[in-house]
Amino acid sequence: GGGVVVTGDRIGAVGTFEELRERFPGARVRKWAGVL
């Protein structure tokens, strides 16, 4: 249930969805079925 925050051409953070959603509440969410 993880995620990666992308800002511009850089990775901002990697972690669980819950953690990242809390840290980046304004981020657009793109959900993918599978392994990232």
PDB file of all heavy atoms in Angstrom:
ATOM      1  N   GLY A   1       0.829  -1.204   0.000  1.00  0.00           N
ATOM      2  CA  GLY A   1       0.000   0.000   0.000  1.00  0.00           C
ATOM      3  C   GLY A   1       0.860   1.248   0.000  1.00  0.00           C
ATOM      4  O   GLY A   1       0.568   2.216   0.681  1.00  0.00           O
ATOM      5  N   GLY A   2       1.922   1.206  -0.779  1.00  0.00           N
ATOM      6  CA  GLY A   2       2.890   2.298  -0.770  1.00  0.00           C
ATOM      7  C   GLY A   2       2.668   3.322  -1.855  1.00  0.00           C
ATOM      8  O   GLY A   2       1.754   3.211  -2.674  1.00  0.00           O
ATOM      9  N   GLY A   3       3.532   4.316  -1.832  1.00  0.00           N
ATOM     10  CA  GLY A   3       3.442   5.371  -2.819  1.00  0.00           C
ATOM     11  C   GLY A   3       4.746   6.115  -2.986  1.00  0.00           C
ATOM     12  O   GLY A   3       5.675   5.973  -2.188  1.00  0.00           O
ATOM     13  N   VAL A   4       4.776   6.901  -4.032  1.00  0.00           N
ATOM     14  CA  VAL A   4       5.921   7.749  -4.350  1.00  0.00           C
ATOM     15  C   VAL A   4       5.385   9.127  -4.712  1.00  0.00           C
ATOM     16  O   VAL A   4       4.512   9.247  -5.577  1.00  0.00           O
ATOM     17  CB  VAL A   4       6.738   7.185  -5.530  1.00  0.00           C
ATOM     18  CG1 VAL A   4       7.901   8.104  -5.877  1.00  0.00           C
ATOM     19  CG2 VAL A   4       7.231   5.777  -5.236  1.00  0.00           C
ATOM     20  N   VAL A   5       5.890  10.156  -4.044  1.00  0.00           N
ATOM     21  CA  VAL A   5       5.515  11.526  -4.362  1.00  0.00           C
ATOM     22  C   VAL A   5       6.507  12.066  -5.387  1.00  0.00           C
ATOM     23  O   VAL A   5       7.723  11.973  -5.188  1.00  0.00           O
ATOM     24  CB  VAL A   5       5.513  12.423  -3.105  1.00  0.00           C
ATOM     25  CG1 VAL A   5       5.265  13.882  -3.480  1.00  0.00           C
ATOM     26  CG2 VAL A   5       4.461  11.943  -2.114  1.00  0.00           C
ATOM     27  N   VAL A   6       5.973  12.607  -6.471  1.00  0.00           N
ATOM     28  CA  VAL A   6       6.796  13.191  -7.523  1.00  0.00           C
ATOM     29  C   VAL A   6       6.500  14.683  -7.589  1.00  0.00           C
ATOM     30  O   VAL A   6       5.342  15.092  -7.669  1.00  0.00           O
ATOM     31  CB  VAL A   6       6.506  12.522  -8.880  1.00  0.00           C
ATOM     32  CG1 VAL A   6       7.235  13.242 -10.004  1.00  0.00           C
ATOM     33  CG2 VAL A   6       6.885  11.047  -8.840  1.00  0.00           C
ATOM     34  N   THR A   7       7.564  15.476  -7.527  1.00  0.00           N
ATOM     35  CA  THR A   7       7.465  16.925  -7.669  1.00  0.00           C
ATOM     36  C   THR A   7       8.393  17.321  -8.812  1.00  0.00           C
ATOM     37  O   THR A   7       9.612  17.160  -8.703  1.00  0.00           O
ATOM     38  CB  THR A   7       7.894  17.643  -6.373  1.00  0.00           C
ATOM     39  OG1 THR A   7       7.084  17.159  -5.293  1.00  0.00           O
ATOM     40  CG2 THR A   7       7.724  19.136  -6.502  1.00  0.00           C
ATOM     41  N   GLY A   8       7.817  17.789  -9.892  1.00  0.00           N
ATOM     42  CA  GLY A   8       8.626  18.110 -11.063  1.00  0.00           C
ATOM     43  C   GLY A   8       9.268  16.845 -11.590  1.00  0.00           C
ATOM     44  O   GLY A   8       8.596  15.856 -11.851  1.00  0.00           O
ATOM     45  N   ASP A   9      10.591  16.855 -11.708  1.00  0.00           N
ATOM     46  CA  ASP A   9      11.296  15.672 -12.208  1.00  0.00           C
ATOM     47  C   ASP A   9      11.991  14.896 -11.083  1.00  0.00           C
ATOM     48  O   ASP A   9      12.832  14.048 -11.345  1.00  0.00           O
ATOM     49  CB  ASP A   9      12.295  16.067 -13.287  1.00  0.00           C
ATOM     50  CG  ASP A   9      13.459  16.897 -12.769  1.00  0.00           C
ATOM     51  OD1 ASP A   9      13.388  17.404 -11.620  1.00  0.00           O
ATOM     52  OD2 ASP A   9      14.449  17.052 -13.514  1.00  0.00           O
ATOM     53  N   ARG A  10      11.620  15.171  -9.828  1.00  0.00           N
ATOM     54  CA  ARG A  10      12.286  14.566  -8.666  1.00  0.00           C
ATOM     55  C   ARG A  10      11.318  13.807  -7.771  1.00  0.00           C
ATOM     56  O   ARG A  10      10.130  14.103  -7.710  1.00  0.00           O
ATOM     57  CB  ARG A  10      12.975  15.638  -7.817  1.00  0.00           C
ATOM     58  CG  ARG A  10      14.048  16.382  -8.541  1.00  0.00           C
ATOM     59  CD  ARG A  10      15.266  15.529  -8.696  1.00  0.00           C
ATOM     60  NE  ARG A  10      16.044  15.928  -9.849  1.00  0.00           N
ATOM     61  CZ  ARG A  10      17.007  15.210 -10.367  1.00  0.00           C
ATOM     62  NH1 ARG A  10      17.346  14.053  -9.831  1.00  0.00           N
ATOM     63  NH2 ARG A  10      17.660  15.623 -11.420  1.00  0.00           N
ATOM     64  N   ILE A  11      11.861  12.845  -7.049  1.00  0.00           N
ATOM     65  CA  ILE A  11      11.097  12.110  -6.047  1.00  0.00           C
ATOM     66  C   ILE A  11      11.134  12.918  -4.760  1.00  0.00           C
ATOM     67  O   ILE A  11      12.212  13.262  -4.261  1.00  0.00           O
ATOM     68  CB  ILE A  11      11.680  10.703  -5.829  1.00  0.00           C
ATOM     69  CG1 ILE A  11      11.504   9.864  -7.100  1.00  0.00           C
ATOM     70  CG2 ILE A  11      11.033  10.028  -4.618  1.00  0.00           C
ATOM     71  CD1 ILE A  11      12.168   8.510  -7.050  1.00  0.00           C
ATOM     72  N   GLY A  12       9.948  13.205  -4.229  1.00  0.00           N
ATOM     73  CA  GLY A  12       9.846  13.964  -2.986  1.00  0.00           C
ATOM     74  C   GLY A  12       9.851  13.074  -1.764  1.00  0.00           C
ATOM     75  O   GLY A  12      10.380  13.448  -0.717  1.00  0.00           O
ATOM     76  N   ALA A  13       9.261  11.882  -1.890  1.00  0.00           N
ATOM     77  CA  ALA A  13       9.195  10.964  -0.756  1.00  0.00           C
ATOM     78  C   ALA A  13       8.709   9.596  -1.230  1.00  0.00           C
ATOM     79  O   ALA A  13       8.027   9.492  -2.255  1.00  0.00           O
ATOM     80  CB  ALA A  13       8.265  11.505   0.317  1.00  0.00           C
ATOM     81  N   VAL A  14       9.062   8.575  -0.445  1.00  0.00           N
ATOM     82  CA  VAL A  14       8.611   7.208  -0.676  1.00  0.00           C
ATOM     83  C   VAL A  14       8.129   6.683   0.669  1.00  0.00           C
ATOM     84  O   VAL A  14       8.793   6.880   1.691  1.00  0.00           O
ATOM     85  CB  VAL A  14       9.758   6.304  -1.202  1.00  0.00           C
ATOM     86  CG1 VAL A  14       9.276   4.879  -1.424  1.00  0.00           C
ATOM     87  CG2 VAL A  14      10.373   6.877  -2.472  1.00  0.00           C
ATOM     88  N   GLY A  15       6.963   6.043   0.689  1.00  0.00           N
ATOM     89  CA  GLY A  15       6.449   5.503   1.943  1.00  0.00           C
ATOM     90  C   GLY A  15       5.078   4.903   1.773  1.00  0.00           C
ATOM     91  O   GLY A  15       4.653   4.609   0.653  1.00  0.00           O
ATOM     92  N   THR A  16       4.362   4.746   2.868  1.00  0.00           N
ATOM     93  CA  THR A  16       3.007   4.227   2.793  1.00  0.00           C
ATOM     94  C   THR A  16       2.077   5.322   2.295  1.00  0.00           C
ATOM     95  O   THR A  16       2.360   6.517   2.462  1.00  0.00           O
ATOM     96  CB  THR A  16       2.507   3.737   4.165  1.00  0.00           C
ATOM     97  OG1 THR A  16       2.405   4.854   5.039  1.00  0.00           O
ATOM     98  CG2 THR A  16       3.430   2.675   4.749  1.00  0.00           C
ATOM     99  N   PHE A  17       0.955   4.919   1.719  1.00  0.00           N
ATOM    100  CA  PHE A  17      -0.017   5.883   1.222  1.00  0.00           C
ATOM    101  C   PHE A  17      -0.486   6.802   2.346  1.00  0.00           C
ATOM    102  O   PHE A  17      -0.539   8.016   2.176  1.00  0.00           O
ATOM    103  CB  PHE A  17      -1.209   5.167   0.586  1.00  0.00           C
ATOM    104  CG  PHE A  17      -2.319   6.103   0.215  1.00  0.00           C
ATOM    105  CD1 PHE A  17      -2.163   6.996  -0.832  1.00  0.00           C
ATOM    106  CD2 PHE A  17      -3.514   6.107   0.916  1.00  0.00           C
ATOM    107  CE1 PHE A  17      -3.176   7.878  -1.174  1.00  0.00           C
ATOM    108  CE2 PHE A  17      -4.529   6.985   0.584  1.00  0.00           C
ATOM    109  CZ  PHE A  17      -4.368   7.866  -0.460  1.00  0.00           C
ATOM    110  N   GLU A  18      -0.803   6.218   3.507  1.00  0.00           N
ATOM    111  CA  GLU A  18      -1.311   7.014   4.626  1.00  0.00           C
ATOM    112  C   GLU A  18      -0.305   8.088   5.053  1.00  0.00           C
ATOM    113  O   GLU A  18      -0.658   9.244   5.250  1.00  0.00           O
ATOM    114  CB  GLU A  18      -1.652   6.115   5.827  1.00  0.00           C
ATOM    115  CG  GLU A  18      -2.818   5.179   5.590  1.00  0.00           C
ATOM    116  CD  GLU A  18      -2.438   3.933   4.790  1.00  0.00           C
ATOM    117  OE1 GLU A  18      -1.233   3.591   4.690  1.00  0.00           O
ATOM    118  OE2 GLU A  18      -3.347   3.308   4.237  1.00  0.00           O
ATOM    119  N   GLU A  19       0.953   7.684   5.181  1.00  0.00           N
ATOM    120  CA  GLU A  19       2.000   8.626   5.588  1.00  0.00           C
ATOM    121  C   GLU A  19       2.154   9.747   4.551  1.00  0.00           C
ATOM    122  O   GLU A  19       2.221  10.928   4.899  1.00  0.00           O
ATOM    123  CB  GLU A  19       3.321   7.865   5.763  1.00  0.00           C
ATOM    124  CG  GLU A  19       4.523   8.756   5.903  1.00  0.00           C
ATOM    125  CD  GLU A  19       5.851   8.030   5.666  1.00  0.00           C
ATOM    126  OE1 GLU A  19       5.912   7.086   4.861  1.00  0.00           O
ATOM    127  OE2 GLU A  19       6.824   8.451   6.301  1.00  0.00           O
ATOM    128  N   LEU A  20       2.200   9.376   3.287  1.00  0.00           N
ATOM    129  CA  LEU A  20       2.429  10.364   2.234  1.00  0.00           C
ATOM    130  C   LEU A  20       1.224  11.280   2.044  1.00  0.00           C
ATOM    131  O   LEU A  20       1.379  12.477   1.781  1.00  0.00           O
ATOM    132  CB  LEU A  20       2.793   9.667   0.928  1.00  0.00           C
ATOM    133  CG  LEU A  20       4.102   8.870   0.974  1.00  0.00           C
ATOM    134  CD1 LEU A  20       4.311   8.123  -0.330  1.00  0.00           C
ATOM    135  CD2 LEU A  20       5.284   9.761   1.301  1.00  0.00           C
ATOM    136  N   ARG A  21       0.028  10.738   2.196  1.00  0.00           N
ATOM    137  CA  ARG A  21      -1.173  11.556   2.058  1.00  0.00           C
ATOM    138  C   ARG A  21      -1.217  12.619   3.151  1.00  0.00           C
ATOM    139  O   ARG A  21      -1.623  13.760   2.917  1.00  0.00           O
ATOM    140  CB  ARG A  21      -2.421  10.659   2.125  1.00  0.00           C
ATOM    141  CG  ARG A  21      -3.653  11.358   1.687  1.00  0.00           C
ATOM    142  CD  ARG A  21      -3.528  11.649   0.200  1.00  0.00           C
ATOM    143  NE  ARG A  21      -4.750  12.291  -0.264  1.00  0.00           N
ATOM    144  CZ  ARG A  21      -4.766  13.222  -1.192  1.00  0.00           C
ATOM    145  NH1 ARG A  21      -3.656  13.613  -1.755  1.00  0.00           N
ATOM    146  NH2 ARG A  21      -5.877  13.752  -1.571  1.00  0.00           N
ATOM    147  N   GLU A  22      -0.770  12.232   4.346  1.00  0.00           N
ATOM    148  CA  GLU A  22      -0.723  13.185   5.460  1.00  0.00           C
ATOM    149  C   GLU A  22       0.324  14.275   5.211  1.00  0.00           C
ATOM    150  O   GLU A  22       0.093  15.449   5.458  1.00  0.00           O
ATOM    151  CB  GLU A  22      -0.418  12.442   6.760  1.00  0.00           C
ATOM    152  CG  GLU A  22      -0.495  13.321   7.992  1.00  0.00           C
ATOM    153  CD  GLU A  22      -0.311  12.518   9.274  1.00  0.00           C
ATOM    154  OE1 GLU A  22      -0.986  11.493   9.425  1.00  0.00           O
ATOM    155  OE2 GLU A  22       0.530  12.939  10.091  1.00  0.00           O
ATOM    156  N   ARG A  23       1.491  13.875   4.720  1.00  0.00           N
ATOM    157  CA  ARG A  23       2.576  14.835   4.479  1.00  0.00           C
ATOM    158  C   ARG A  23       2.331  15.720   3.267  1.00  0.00           C
ATOM    159  O   ARG A  23       2.813  16.852   3.210  1.00  0.00           O
ATOM    160  CB  ARG A  23       3.896  14.087   4.283  1.00  0.00           C
ATOM    161  CG  ARG A  23       4.474  13.530   5.559  1.00  0.00           C
ATOM    162  CD  ARG A  23       5.780  12.789   5.338  1.00  0.00           C
ATOM    163  NE  ARG A  23       6.784  13.607   4.675  1.00  0.00           N
ATOM    164  CZ  ARG A  23       7.839  13.099   4.046  1.00  0.00           C
ATOM    165  NH1 ARG A  23       8.038  11.797   4.000  1.00  0.00           N
ATOM    166  NH2 ARG A  23       8.708  13.897   3.470  1.00  0.00           N
ATOM    167  N   PHE A  24       1.599  15.202   2.275  1.00  0.00           N
ATOM    168  CA  PHE A  24       1.372  15.923   1.020  1.00  0.00           C
ATOM    169  C   PHE A  24      -0.126  15.947   0.707  1.00  0.00           C
ATOM    170  O   PHE A  24      -0.587  15.337  -0.261  1.00  0.00           O
ATOM    171  CB  PHE A  24       2.149  15.250  -0.120  1.00  0.00           C
ATOM    172  CG  PHE A  24       3.625  15.170   0.104  1.00  0.00           C
ATOM    173  CD1 PHE A  24       4.194  14.064   0.734  1.00  0.00           C
ATOM    174  CD2 PHE A  24       4.459  16.204  -0.293  1.00  0.00           C
ATOM    175  CE1 PHE A  24       5.566  13.992   0.950  1.00  0.00           C
ATOM    176  CE2 PHE A  24       5.837  16.135  -0.081  1.00  0.00           C
ATOM    177  CZ  PHE A  24       6.381  15.029   0.549  1.00  0.00           C
ATOM    178  N   PRO A  25      -0.919  16.646   1.518  1.00  0.00           N
ATOM    179  CA  PRO A  25      -2.374  16.597   1.373  1.00  0.00           C
ATOM    180  C   PRO A  25      -2.892  17.161   0.044  1.00  0.00           C
ATOM    181  O   PRO A  25      -3.962  16.786  -0.408  1.00  0.00           O
ATOM    182  CB  PRO A  25      -2.885  17.421   2.556  1.00  0.00           C
ATOM    183  CG  PRO A  25      -1.752  18.306   2.930  1.00  0.00           C
ATOM    184  CD  PRO A  25      -0.499  17.545   2.603  1.00  0.00           C
ATOM    185  N   GLY A  26      -2.143  18.033  -0.577  1.00  0.00           N
ATOM    186  CA  GLY A  26      -2.591  18.632  -1.835  1.00  0.00           C
ATOM    187  C   GLY A  26      -2.161  17.876  -3.076  1.00  0.00           C
ATOM    188  O   GLY A  26      -2.484  18.284  -4.196  1.00  0.00           O
ATOM    189  N   ALA A  27      -1.438  16.777  -2.896  1.00  0.00           N
ATOM    190  CA  ALA A  27      -0.933  16.035  -4.055  1.00  0.00           C
ATOM    191  C   ALA A  27      -2.070  15.355  -4.816  1.00  0.00           C
ATOM    192  O   ALA A  27      -2.999  14.817  -4.218  1.00  0.00           O
ATOM    193  CB  ALA A  27       0.092  14.987  -3.614  1.00  0.00           C
ATOM    194  N   ARG A  28      -1.967  15.397  -6.129  1.00  0.00           N
ATOM    195  CA  ARG A  28      -2.888  14.631  -6.974  1.00  0.00           C
ATOM    196  C   ARG A  28      -2.541  13.158  -6.787  1.00  0.00           C
ATOM    197  O   ARG A  28      -1.360  12.802  -6.755  1.00  0.00           O
ATOM    198  CB  ARG A  28      -2.688  15.044  -8.429  1.00  0.00           C
ATOM    199  CG  ARG A  28      -3.417  14.175  -9.426  1.00  0.00           C
ATOM    200  CD  ARG A  28      -3.173  14.636 -10.831  1.00  0.00           C
ATOM    201  NE  ARG A  28      -1.748  14.626 -11.119  1.00  0.00           N
ATOM    202  CZ  ARG A  28      -1.227  14.938 -12.287  1.00  0.00           C
ATOM    203  NH1 ARG A  28      -1.989  15.323 -13.271  1.00  0.00           N
ATOM    204  NH2 ARG A  28       0.068  14.895 -12.482  1.00  0.00           N
ATOM    205  N   VAL A  29      -3.535  12.299  -6.651  1.00  0.00           N
ATOM    206  CA  VAL A  29      -3.294  10.869  -6.423  1.00  0.00           C
ATOM    207  C   VAL A  29      -3.565  10.101  -7.707  1.00  0.00           C
ATOM    208  O   VAL A  29      -4.622  10.252  -8.326  1.00  0.00           O
ATOM    209  CB  VAL A  29      -4.181  10.318  -5.283  1.00  0.00           C
ATOM    210  CG1 VAL A  29      -3.978   8.820  -5.120  1.00  0.00           C
ATOM    211  CG2 VAL A  29      -3.874  11.043  -3.982  1.00  0.00           C
ATOM    212  N   ARG A  30      -2.595   9.282  -8.080  1.00  0.00           N
ATOM    213  CA  ARG A  30      -2.728   8.407  -9.239  1.00  0.00           C
ATOM    214  C   ARG A  30      -2.563   6.978  -8.739  1.00  0.00           C
ATOM    215  O   ARG A  30      -1.487   6.605  -8.277  1.00  0.00           O
ATOM    216  CB  ARG A  30      -1.660   8.756 -10.259  1.00  0.00           C
ATOM    217  CG  ARG A  30      -2.050   8.305 -11.630  1.00  0.00           C
ATOM    218  CD  ARG A  30      -1.122   8.868 -12.661  1.00  0.00           C
ATOM    219  NE  ARG A  30      -1.893   9.847 -13.417  1.00  0.00           N
ATOM    220  CZ  ARG A  30      -1.381  10.678 -14.274  1.00  0.00           C
ATOM    221  NH1 ARG A  30      -0.100  10.695 -14.485  1.00  0.00           N
ATOM    222  NH2 ARG A  30      -2.135  11.499 -14.943  1.00  0.00           N
ATOM    223  N   LYS A  31      -3.635   6.193  -8.782  1.00  0.00           N
ATOM    224  CA  LYS A  31      -3.603   4.822  -8.270  1.00  0.00           C
ATOM    225  C   LYS A  31      -3.347   3.852  -9.408  1.00  0.00           C
ATOM    226  O   LYS A  31      -3.980   3.931 -10.463  1.00  0.00           O
ATOM    227  CB  LYS A  31      -4.917   4.481  -7.573  1.00  0.00           C
ATOM    228  CG  LYS A  31      -5.130   5.285  -6.317  1.00  0.00           C
ATOM    229  CD  LYS A  31      -6.370   4.867  -5.576  1.00  0.00           C
ATOM    230  CE  LYS A  31      -6.488   5.715  -4.311  1.00  0.00           C
ATOM    231  NZ  LYS A  31      -7.651   5.373  -3.520  1.00  0.00           N
ATOM    232  N   TRP A  32      -2.424   2.933  -9.155  1.00  0.00           N
ATOM    233  CA  TRP A  32      -2.053   1.925 -10.141  1.00  0.00           C
ATOM    234  C   TRP A  32      -2.309   0.531  -9.567  1.00  0.00           C
ATOM    235  O   TRP A  32      -1.967   0.278  -8.416  1.00  0.00           O
ATOM    236  CB  TRP A  32      -0.574   2.044 -10.508  1.00  0.00           C
ATOM    237  CG  TRP A  32      -0.186   3.372 -11.068  1.00  0.00           C
ATOM    238  CD1 TRP A  32       0.509   4.353 -10.428  1.00  0.00           C
ATOM    239  CD2 TRP A  32      -0.466   3.864 -12.373  1.00  0.00           C
ATOM    240  NE1 TRP A  32       0.671   5.434 -11.256  1.00  0.00           N
ATOM    241  CE2 TRP A  32       0.084   5.159 -12.466  1.00  0.00           C
ATOM    242  CE3 TRP A  32      -1.135   3.344 -13.478  1.00  0.00           C
ATOM    243  CZ2 TRP A  32      -0.005   5.933 -13.609  1.00  0.00           C
ATOM    244  CZ3 TRP A  32      -1.229   4.121 -14.622  1.00  0.00           C
ATOM    245  CH2 TRP A  32      -0.667   5.394 -14.683  1.00  0.00           C
ATOM    246  N   ALA A  33      -2.853  -0.342 -10.374  1.00  0.00           N
ATOM    247  CA  ALA A  33      -2.978  -1.749  -9.988  1.00  0.00           C
ATOM    248  C   ALA A  33      -1.667  -2.425 -10.361  1.00  0.00           C
ATOM    249  O   ALA A  33      -1.236  -2.361 -11.509  1.00  0.00           O
ATOM    250  CB  ALA A  33      -4.140  -2.396 -10.724  1.00  0.00           C
ATOM    251  N   GLY A  34      -0.998  -3.007  -9.384  1.00  0.00           N
ATOM    252  CA  GLY A  34       0.246  -3.695  -9.672  1.00  0.00           C
ATOM    253  C   GLY A  34       1.353  -3.309  -8.723  1.00  0.00           C
ATOM    254  O   GLY A  34       1.115  -2.880  -7.600  1.00  0.00           O
ATOM    255  N   VAL A  35       2.570  -3.463  -9.215  1.00  0.00           N
ATOM    256  CA  VAL A  35       3.776  -3.242  -8.420  1.00  0.00           C
ATOM    257  C   VAL A  35       4.554  -2.083  -9.026  1.00  0.00           C
ATOM    258  O   VAL A  35       4.856  -2.091 -10.220  1.00  0.00           O
ATOM    259  CB  VAL A  35       4.645  -4.522  -8.401  1.00  0.00           C
ATOM    260  CG1 VAL A  35       5.910  -4.302  -7.619  1.00  0.00           C
ATOM    261  CG2 VAL A  35       3.852  -5.693  -7.839  1.00  0.00           C
ATOM    262  N   LEU A  36       4.866  -1.094  -8.196  1.00  0.00           N
ATOM    263  CA  LEU A  36       5.584   0.095  -8.640  1.00  0.00           C
ATOM    264  C   LEU A  36       7.019   0.022  -8.132  1.00  0.00           C
ATOM    265  O   LEU A  36       7.268  -0.390  -7.003  1.00  0.00           O
ATOM    266  CB  LEU A  36       4.885   1.334  -8.077  1.00  0.00           C
ATOM    267  CG  LEU A  36       5.400   2.698  -8.489  1.00  0.00           C
ATOM    268  CD1 LEU A  36       4.257   3.690  -8.453  1.00  0.00           C
ATOM    269  CD2 LEU A  36       6.517   3.179  -7.613  1.00  0.00           C
TER     270      LEU A  36
END
